[in-house]
Protein backbone atom coordinates (compact mmCIF):
# COMPACT_ATOMS: atom_id res chain seq x y z
CA MET A 1 67.43 2.73 39.83
CA LYS A 2 65.30 3.76 42.80
CA ILE A 3 62.40 2.30 44.74
CA ALA A 4 60.25 4.92 42.99
CA ASP A 5 61.00 3.15 39.69
CA LEU A 6 59.67 -0.11 41.14
CA VAL A 7 56.55 1.67 42.38
CA ALA A 8 55.98 3.22 38.94
CA ALA A 9 56.47 -0.15 37.21
CA MET A 10 54.01 -1.92 39.51
CA GLU A 11 51.49 0.86 39.08
CA ARG A 12 51.69 0.41 35.31
CA ILE A 13 51.04 -3.32 35.69
CA ALA A 14 48.42 -3.00 38.45
CA PRO A 15 47.05 0.57 38.73
CA PRO A 16 46.26 1.23 42.43
CA ASP A 17 42.83 2.67 41.64
CA LEU A 18 41.74 -0.86 40.65
CA ALA A 19 42.17 -2.04 44.26
CA GLU A 20 39.15 -2.66 46.45
CA SER A 21 38.35 0.12 48.92
CA TRP A 22 39.14 -2.11 51.91
CA ASP A 23 42.56 -3.12 50.60
CA ASN A 24 46.03 -1.80 51.46
CA VAL A 25 48.10 -1.66 48.28
CA GLY A 26 51.22 0.25 47.29
CA LEU A 27 54.59 0.83 48.93
CA LEU A 28 54.24 -0.43 52.52
CA ILE A 29 57.88 -0.30 53.64
CA GLY A 30 60.67 1.81 52.20
CA ALA A 31 61.61 5.24 50.90
CA HIS A 32 60.79 6.27 47.32
CA ASP A 33 64.19 7.92 46.85
CA ALA A 34 66.19 4.97 48.17
CA LEU A 35 68.32 3.04 45.70
CA LEU A 36 67.05 -0.32 44.46
CA ALA A 37 70.40 -2.02 44.84
CA GLY A 38 69.61 -5.74 44.77
CA PRO A 39 67.19 -8.08 42.99
CA LEU A 40 63.44 -8.11 43.52
CA LEU A 41 61.78 -11.06 45.23
CA LEU A 42 58.18 -12.00 44.38
CA THR A 43 56.01 -13.78 46.94
CA ILE A 44 52.35 -14.37 47.73
CA ASP A 45 52.78 -14.33 51.52
CA LEU A 46 55.57 -12.38 53.20
CA THR A 47 56.42 -14.79 56.02
CA GLU A 48 59.49 -14.79 58.26
CA ALA A 49 61.04 -17.44 56.00
CA VAL A 50 60.56 -15.24 52.94
CA ALA A 51 61.94 -12.20 54.79
CA ALA A 52 65.05 -14.20 55.73
CA GLU A 53 65.35 -15.32 52.11
CA ALA A 54 65.19 -11.71 50.91
CA ALA A 55 67.92 -10.68 53.35
CA ARG A 56 70.06 -13.67 52.41
CA LEU A 57 69.79 -12.89 48.69
CA LYS A 58 70.52 -9.20 49.39
CA CYS A 59 67.27 -8.17 47.73
CA GLY A 60 66.46 -4.50 47.35
CA ALA A 61 62.71 -5.05 47.57
CA VAL A 62 59.99 -7.65 47.98
CA VAL A 63 56.76 -7.57 45.99
CA ALA A 64 54.33 -9.33 48.31
CA TYR A 65 50.93 -10.00 46.73
CA HIS A 66 49.14 -10.19 50.08
CA PRO A 67 49.77 -6.99 52.09
CA PRO A 68 51.90 -7.93 55.12
CA ILE A 69 50.64 -4.76 56.81
CA PHE A 70 46.87 -4.74 56.47
CA GLU A 71 45.15 -3.41 59.57
CA ALA A 72 46.22 -0.42 61.65
CA VAL A 73 49.53 -1.10 63.42
CA LYS A 74 50.11 0.62 66.76
CA ARG A 75 53.51 -0.89 67.48
CA LEU A 76 56.26 -2.81 65.70
CA THR A 77 57.90 -5.32 68.03
CA ASP A 78 59.17 -8.87 67.80
CA GLU A 79 56.03 -10.12 69.57
CA THR A 80 54.11 -10.62 66.29
CA GLU A 81 55.04 -12.05 62.90
CA THR A 82 54.13 -8.75 61.25
CA GLY A 83 56.49 -6.93 63.59
CA ARG A 84 59.31 -9.43 63.18
CA VAL A 85 59.05 -9.37 59.39
CA ALA A 86 58.91 -5.56 59.23
CA LEU A 87 61.84 -5.13 61.63
CA GLN A 88 63.97 -7.66 59.76
CA LEU A 89 63.33 -6.04 56.37
CA ILE A 90 63.76 -2.48 57.62
CA GLY A 91 67.03 -3.51 59.23
CA ALA A 92 68.20 -5.07 55.96
CA GLY A 93 67.07 -2.07 53.91
CA VAL A 94 64.50 -4.10 51.95
CA ALA A 95 61.42 -2.27 50.64
CA VAL A 96 57.99 -3.92 50.37
CA TYR A 97 55.34 -3.29 47.73
CA SER A 98 51.92 -4.99 47.67
CA PRO A 99 49.56 -4.99 44.64
CA HIS A 100 46.86 -7.44 45.89
CA THR A 101 43.39 -6.69 44.45
CA ALA A 102 44.80 -4.12 42.02
CA LEU A 103 46.66 -7.01 40.36
CA ASP A 104 43.53 -9.17 40.46
CA GLY A 105 41.45 -6.78 38.38
CA ALA A 106 44.13 -5.41 36.03
CA PRO A 107 44.28 -6.38 32.34
CA GLY A 108 46.44 -9.47 32.08
CA GLY A 109 46.33 -9.75 35.86
CA MET A 110 45.53 -12.63 38.15
CA ALA A 111 41.82 -12.94 37.31
CA ASP A 112 42.51 -13.03 33.56
CA TRP A 113 45.23 -15.63 34.09
CA LEU A 114 42.96 -17.85 36.20
CA ALA A 115 40.19 -17.57 33.60
CA GLU A 116 42.56 -18.71 30.86
CA GLY A 117 43.08 -21.99 32.70
CA LEU A 118 39.48 -22.97 31.94
CA LEU A 119 39.71 -22.53 28.18
CA GLY A 120 39.94 -25.53 25.92
CA PRO A 121 42.08 -25.74 22.76
CA SER A 122 39.15 -24.75 20.55
CA ASP A 123 38.42 -21.72 22.73
CA VAL A 124 42.02 -20.52 22.62
CA GLY A 125 42.17 -20.90 18.85
CA SER A 126 38.97 -18.90 18.44
CA GLY A 127 40.42 -15.86 20.16
CA GLY A 128 40.20 -16.56 23.86
CA GLY A 129 36.97 -18.31 24.72
CA GLY A 130 34.27 -16.03 23.46
CA ASP A 131 33.23 -13.11 25.61
CA ARG A 132 35.21 -12.17 28.73
CA ARG A 133 34.36 -9.39 31.15
CA ALA A 134 34.76 -8.35 34.76
CA LEU A 135 32.06 -9.51 37.15
CA ARG A 136 32.17 -6.01 38.64
CA ALA A 137 33.52 -3.56 36.09
CA HIS A 138 35.88 -0.94 37.46
CA ALA A 139 34.52 2.59 37.04
CA SER A 140 36.70 5.67 37.03
CA LEU A 141 36.46 9.34 36.22
CA ALA A 142 39.32 11.54 35.09
CA PRO A 143 39.92 14.38 37.60
CA THR A 144 39.42 16.98 34.87
CA GLN A 145 36.02 15.52 33.92
CA GLU A 146 34.24 15.37 37.27
CA LEU A 147 31.66 18.03 36.36
CA LYS A 148 30.16 19.68 33.30
CA VAL A 149 29.56 23.43 33.25
CA VAL A 150 26.89 24.72 30.87
CA THR A 151 26.12 28.32 30.04
CA PHE A 152 24.26 30.23 27.31
CA VAL A 153 26.14 32.88 25.39
CA PRO A 154 25.27 35.37 22.59
CA MET A 155 26.83 34.21 19.31
CA GLU A 156 29.40 36.99 19.10
CA LYS A 157 30.78 36.28 22.60
CA LEU A 158 31.09 32.50 22.33
CA ASP A 159 34.84 32.39 21.66
CA ASP A 160 35.62 34.88 24.44
CA VAL A 161 33.73 32.89 27.08
CA ARG A 162 35.10 29.54 25.86
CA LYS A 163 38.70 30.75 26.03
CA ALA A 164 38.13 32.33 29.43
CA MET A 165 36.69 29.12 30.89
CA ALA A 166 39.58 27.15 29.41
CA SER A 167 42.07 29.52 31.05
CA ALA A 168 40.45 28.65 34.40
CA GLY A 169 40.95 24.89 33.88
CA ALA A 170 37.76 23.81 32.10
CA GLY A 171 37.68 21.85 28.88
CA ILE A 172 40.51 19.36 29.51
CA ILE A 173 39.94 15.83 28.13
CA GLY A 174 43.06 13.68 28.24
CA GLY A 175 45.79 15.42 26.29
CA TYR A 176 43.36 17.91 24.73
CA GLU A 177 42.52 21.39 25.99
CA VAL A 178 39.81 23.97 25.19
CA CYS A 179 37.38 21.09 24.53
CA SER A 180 33.79 22.29 24.29
CA PHE A 181 30.47 21.70 22.59
CA SER A 182 28.05 24.36 21.46
CA THR A 183 24.67 24.32 19.81
CA THR A 184 22.34 27.08 18.64
CA GLY A 185 19.08 28.00 20.33
CA HIS A 186 17.04 30.94 21.57
CA GLY A 187 16.95 32.30 25.10
CA THR A 188 14.26 34.52 26.60
CA PHE A 189 14.31 36.87 29.56
CA LEU A 190 12.34 39.70 31.07
CA GLY A 191 14.35 42.07 33.22
CA SER A 192 12.64 43.56 36.25
CA ALA A 193 12.91 47.20 37.25
CA GLY A 194 16.49 48.16 38.04
CA THR A 195 18.16 45.53 35.84
CA GLN A 196 20.52 46.43 33.03
CA PRO A 197 20.19 43.73 30.37
CA ALA A 198 22.95 43.54 27.76
CA VAL A 199 20.28 43.05 25.09
CA GLY A 200 16.99 44.94 24.93
CA ALA A 201 15.50 46.79 27.86
CA ALA A 202 14.13 46.11 31.33
CA GLY A 203 10.41 45.41 31.32
CA ASN A 204 10.42 43.84 27.83
CA LEU A 205 10.35 40.12 27.06
CA GLU A 206 13.45 39.60 24.94
CA SER A 207 14.38 36.66 22.70
CA VAL A 208 18.04 36.27 21.81
CA ALA A 209 19.91 33.83 19.56
CA GLU A 210 22.38 32.08 21.85
CA GLN A 211 24.89 29.26 21.91
CA ARG A 212 24.63 26.59 24.59
CA LEU A 213 28.27 26.13 25.66
CA GLU A 214 29.33 22.94 27.51
CA MET A 215 32.76 22.26 29.03
CA VAL A 216 33.98 19.60 31.47
CA CYS A 217 35.65 20.74 34.66
CA SER A 218 37.31 19.37 37.81
CA ARG A 219 35.83 20.07 41.23
CA ARG A 220 39.01 21.91 42.14
CA ALA A 221 38.69 24.25 39.16
CA LEU A 222 34.93 24.86 39.47
CA ALA A 223 34.98 28.01 41.59
CA LEU A 224 37.55 29.74 39.37
CA THR A 225 35.74 28.59 36.22
CA ILE A 226 32.46 30.11 37.37
CA GLN A 227 34.15 33.32 38.49
CA THR A 228 35.93 33.65 35.14
CA LEU A 229 32.76 32.79 33.21
CA ARG A 230 30.88 35.58 34.99
CA GLN A 231 33.73 38.01 34.35
CA PHE A 232 33.77 37.45 30.59
CA HIS A 233 30.07 36.80 30.01
CA PRO A 234 28.23 39.88 28.68
CA TYR A 235 25.06 39.23 30.68
CA GLU A 236 24.36 40.76 34.05
CA GLU A 237 23.02 37.38 35.29
CA PRO A 238 24.29 34.56 33.05
CA ALA A 239 22.53 31.21 33.29
CA ILE A 240 24.97 28.60 34.62
CA ASP A 241 24.25 24.88 35.10
CA VAL A 242 26.66 22.47 36.80
CA TYR A 243 26.12 18.75 36.19
CA GLU A 244 27.68 15.91 38.16
CA LEU A 245 29.30 13.31 35.87
CA VAL A 246 29.35 9.65 36.87
CA ALA A 247 32.32 7.28 36.73
CA ARG A 248 32.61 5.28 33.52
CA PRO A 249 32.99 1.50 33.78
CA THR A 250 35.57 -0.40 31.77
CA ARG A 251 34.03 -3.77 30.96
CA ALA A 252 37.23 -5.82 30.82
CA VAL A 253 38.76 -4.45 34.04
CA GLY A 254 37.68 -4.96 37.63
CA ALA A 255 36.84 -7.65 40.18
CA GLY A 256 36.50 -11.23 38.99
CA ARG A 257 35.79 -12.42 35.47
CA LYS A 258 32.92 -14.00 33.59
CA ILE A 259 33.96 -16.07 30.60
CA ALA A 260 31.66 -17.47 27.96
CA LEU A 261 33.17 -20.55 26.34
CA ASP A 262 32.77 -20.88 22.60
CA ASN A 263 32.44 -24.62 23.16
CA GLY A 264 30.77 -25.85 26.33
CA ALA A 265 32.56 -28.38 28.57
CA THR A 266 31.46 -30.71 31.31
CA ILE A 267 32.48 -29.98 34.87
CA ASP A 268 34.88 -32.94 34.75
CA GLU A 269 36.59 -31.54 31.66
CA LEU A 270 36.90 -28.14 33.31
CA ALA A 271 38.39 -29.73 36.43
CA VAL A 272 41.07 -31.43 34.32
CA ARG A 273 41.94 -28.11 32.64
CA LEU A 274 42.13 -26.21 35.93
CA LYS A 275 44.28 -28.84 37.69
CA ALA A 276 46.77 -28.72 34.81
CA HIS A 277 46.80 -24.92 34.82
CA LEU A 278 47.41 -24.66 38.57
CA ASP A 279 49.48 -27.83 38.92
CA VAL A 280 47.28 -29.18 41.70
CA LYS A 281 46.14 -32.74 42.22
CA VAL A 282 42.79 -32.17 43.94
CA LEU A 283 39.88 -29.77 43.56
CA GLN A 284 36.72 -29.45 45.64
CA VAL A 285 33.51 -29.36 43.63
CA ALA A 286 29.98 -28.64 44.84
CA MET A 287 27.49 -29.54 42.12
CA GLY A 288 24.50 -27.33 41.52
CA PRO A 289 21.20 -29.00 40.61
CA ARG A 290 21.45 -27.87 36.97
CA THR A 291 24.95 -29.18 36.34
CA GLY A 292 25.29 -32.95 35.95
CA ASP A 293 26.63 -33.70 32.48
CA THR A 294 25.19 -30.49 31.02
CA PRO A 295 27.85 -28.56 29.08
CA ILE A 296 28.95 -25.48 30.98
CA GLU A 297 29.41 -22.33 28.93
CA ARG A 298 29.27 -19.46 31.44
CA ILE A 299 31.85 -19.42 34.26
CA GLY A 300 32.57 -16.91 37.00
CA VAL A 301 36.17 -16.69 38.21
CA CYS A 302 37.94 -15.02 41.14
CA PRO A 303 41.40 -15.80 42.55
CA GLY A 304 41.80 -16.21 46.31
CA ALA A 305 38.61 -15.97 48.37
CA GLY A 306 35.83 -15.02 45.96
CA GLY A 307 32.67 -15.69 47.92
CA SER A 308 31.62 -12.05 47.88
CA LEU A 309 31.34 -12.17 44.07
CA VAL A 310 28.88 -15.09 43.98
CA PRO A 311 25.83 -12.78 43.75
CA LEU A 312 27.40 -11.12 40.71
CA ALA A 313 28.11 -14.52 39.14
CA LEU A 314 24.47 -15.48 39.64
CA GLU A 315 23.33 -12.16 38.20
CA ALA A 316 25.53 -12.84 35.16
CA ASP A 317 23.80 -16.24 34.73
CA CYS A 318 26.98 -18.22 35.38
CA GLN A 319 26.64 -21.98 35.71
CA LEU A 320 29.93 -22.48 37.57
CA PHE A 321 31.99 -20.34 39.94
CA VAL A 322 35.72 -21.02 40.27
CA THR A 323 37.77 -19.58 43.13
CA GLY A 324 40.27 -20.55 45.80
CA GLU A 325 38.15 -20.84 48.91
CA MET A 326 34.67 -20.05 50.20
CA ARG A 327 32.91 -20.38 53.53
CA HIS A 328 30.61 -23.35 54.06
CA HIS A 329 27.41 -21.33 54.09
CA GLU A 330 28.46 -19.34 51.02
CA ILE A 331 28.86 -22.62 49.13
CA ARG A 332 25.49 -23.94 50.34
CA GLN A 333 23.73 -20.75 49.29
CA ALA A 334 25.41 -20.73 45.85
CA VAL A 335 24.45 -24.34 45.15
CA ALA A 336 20.89 -23.74 46.35
CA ALA A 337 20.68 -20.86 43.87
CA GLY A 338 21.74 -23.19 41.05
CA LEU A 339 25.45 -22.32 40.84
CA SER A 340 28.09 -25.05 40.95
CA VAL A 341 31.32 -24.20 42.80
CA MET A 342 34.89 -25.33 42.15
CA LEU A 343 37.57 -24.59 44.76
CA ALA A 344 41.31 -25.01 44.20
CA GLY A 345 42.75 -23.55 47.42
CA HIS A 346 43.34 -19.90 48.22
CA THR A 347 46.97 -19.39 47.28
CA GLN A 348 46.96 -22.18 44.69
CA THR A 349 44.85 -19.84 42.55
CA GLU A 350 47.46 -17.09 43.03
CA ARG A 351 51.01 -18.42 43.44
CA PRO A 352 51.61 -19.82 39.91
CA TYR A 353 50.90 -16.35 38.49
CA LEU A 354 54.20 -15.10 39.95
CA ARG A 355 56.01 -16.98 37.18
CA LEU A 356 54.24 -14.72 34.67
CA LEU A 357 54.69 -11.56 36.71
CA ALA A 358 58.47 -12.00 37.03
CA PRO A 359 59.39 -11.53 33.33
CA ARG A 360 56.78 -8.81 32.93
CA LEU A 361 58.22 -6.80 35.82
CA ARG A 362 61.78 -7.51 34.67
CA LYS A 363 60.93 -5.98 31.29
CA GLU A 364 59.29 -2.94 32.90
CA LEU A 365 62.49 -2.38 34.89
CA GLY A 366 64.85 -2.67 31.95
CA GLY A 367 66.20 -6.11 32.80
CA HIS A 368 66.59 -5.65 36.57
CA PRO A 369 66.78 -9.12 38.21
CA VAL A 370 63.45 -10.43 39.49
CA LEU A 371 63.26 -13.70 41.45
CA VAL A 372 60.34 -15.83 42.62
CA SER A 373 60.60 -16.88 46.27
CA ALA A 374 61.53 -20.48 46.98
CA GLU A 375 60.29 -20.14 50.60
CA ASP A 376 56.77 -18.98 49.76
CA ARG A 377 54.48 -21.97 50.02
CA GLU A 378 51.01 -23.13 51.05
CA PRO A 379 50.78 -23.51 54.87
CA TRP A 380 48.75 -26.72 54.65
CA VAL A 381 50.44 -30.11 54.67
CA SER A 382 48.67 -33.24 53.41
CA ARG A 383 48.74 -36.27 55.68
């Protein structure tokens, strides 16, 4: 097994295109062709203690949720923790992969797991707590469907032009090729002096039965598609339209989650559920003016630091927003807007998920050993 196999497995679990644009996910240290000789170690934060643990256990790679290399690095020395960690792992031949926000937004990822901790027994039995969706749905567009090329062809030449455009790379949708749509209509044209129309004569207004032919196309294949279309089209000046296609959102995938409980719960009941789910003793709660003992049905959720998603939670008419940490003024603004806030601590809303990720990754890798770090822990100490 190679590091490339680990990369492929993680990309199946947390596709990199789900990551936020500012993030740094993927293979951060290591060579794709290198052998994955030892066990994998899962951690939230890749500290010096975790790096030493990985070396001691003779791990082949570390999957670190938070990217240990985030901003541009101009030098790797022992003067910084980032440098010391990187040097230690490179010296021990340990690769590092980071999924971060790609794992947050993925199906069955960290946001889904955190949301499940707020469901009551009746919600679980009813199929998962009513409606669940991403607060910001991830939108994507297949490379072969970036554009749509439309032309108008005489009936008898439709198949020739369709096949020609397909040979240039148009008409690919998933595993299907030569995909097109055509509909019947009538085209008109009046050729000026010097033109050589394929139908009728210059100077006459002609009306021709035509097929409107539509095929999707990648940007890369557009120039060749148009050239080939012109080559096989019978007209001297074929009409060609190129339309930009927009990315298509997937409702259940993306940043954060909104859950609609089938059976509303008070904020105290939700706090009990979340503490049990995360195995924490204390939560911080800021009560919005509409909360009180009113049953809460609509909840926004984001692991880690979710303050940036508060506007989306308000837009989705959430009554409560659950995350790890928020800035003081973010909390004040949320409460003033009518949204209650429940905070459980940044990594406390992330670390327990590693226990679910370990068997999932082990299965993806055909039983390869996957361990959860014993040295990865919250930096805060209660006094």
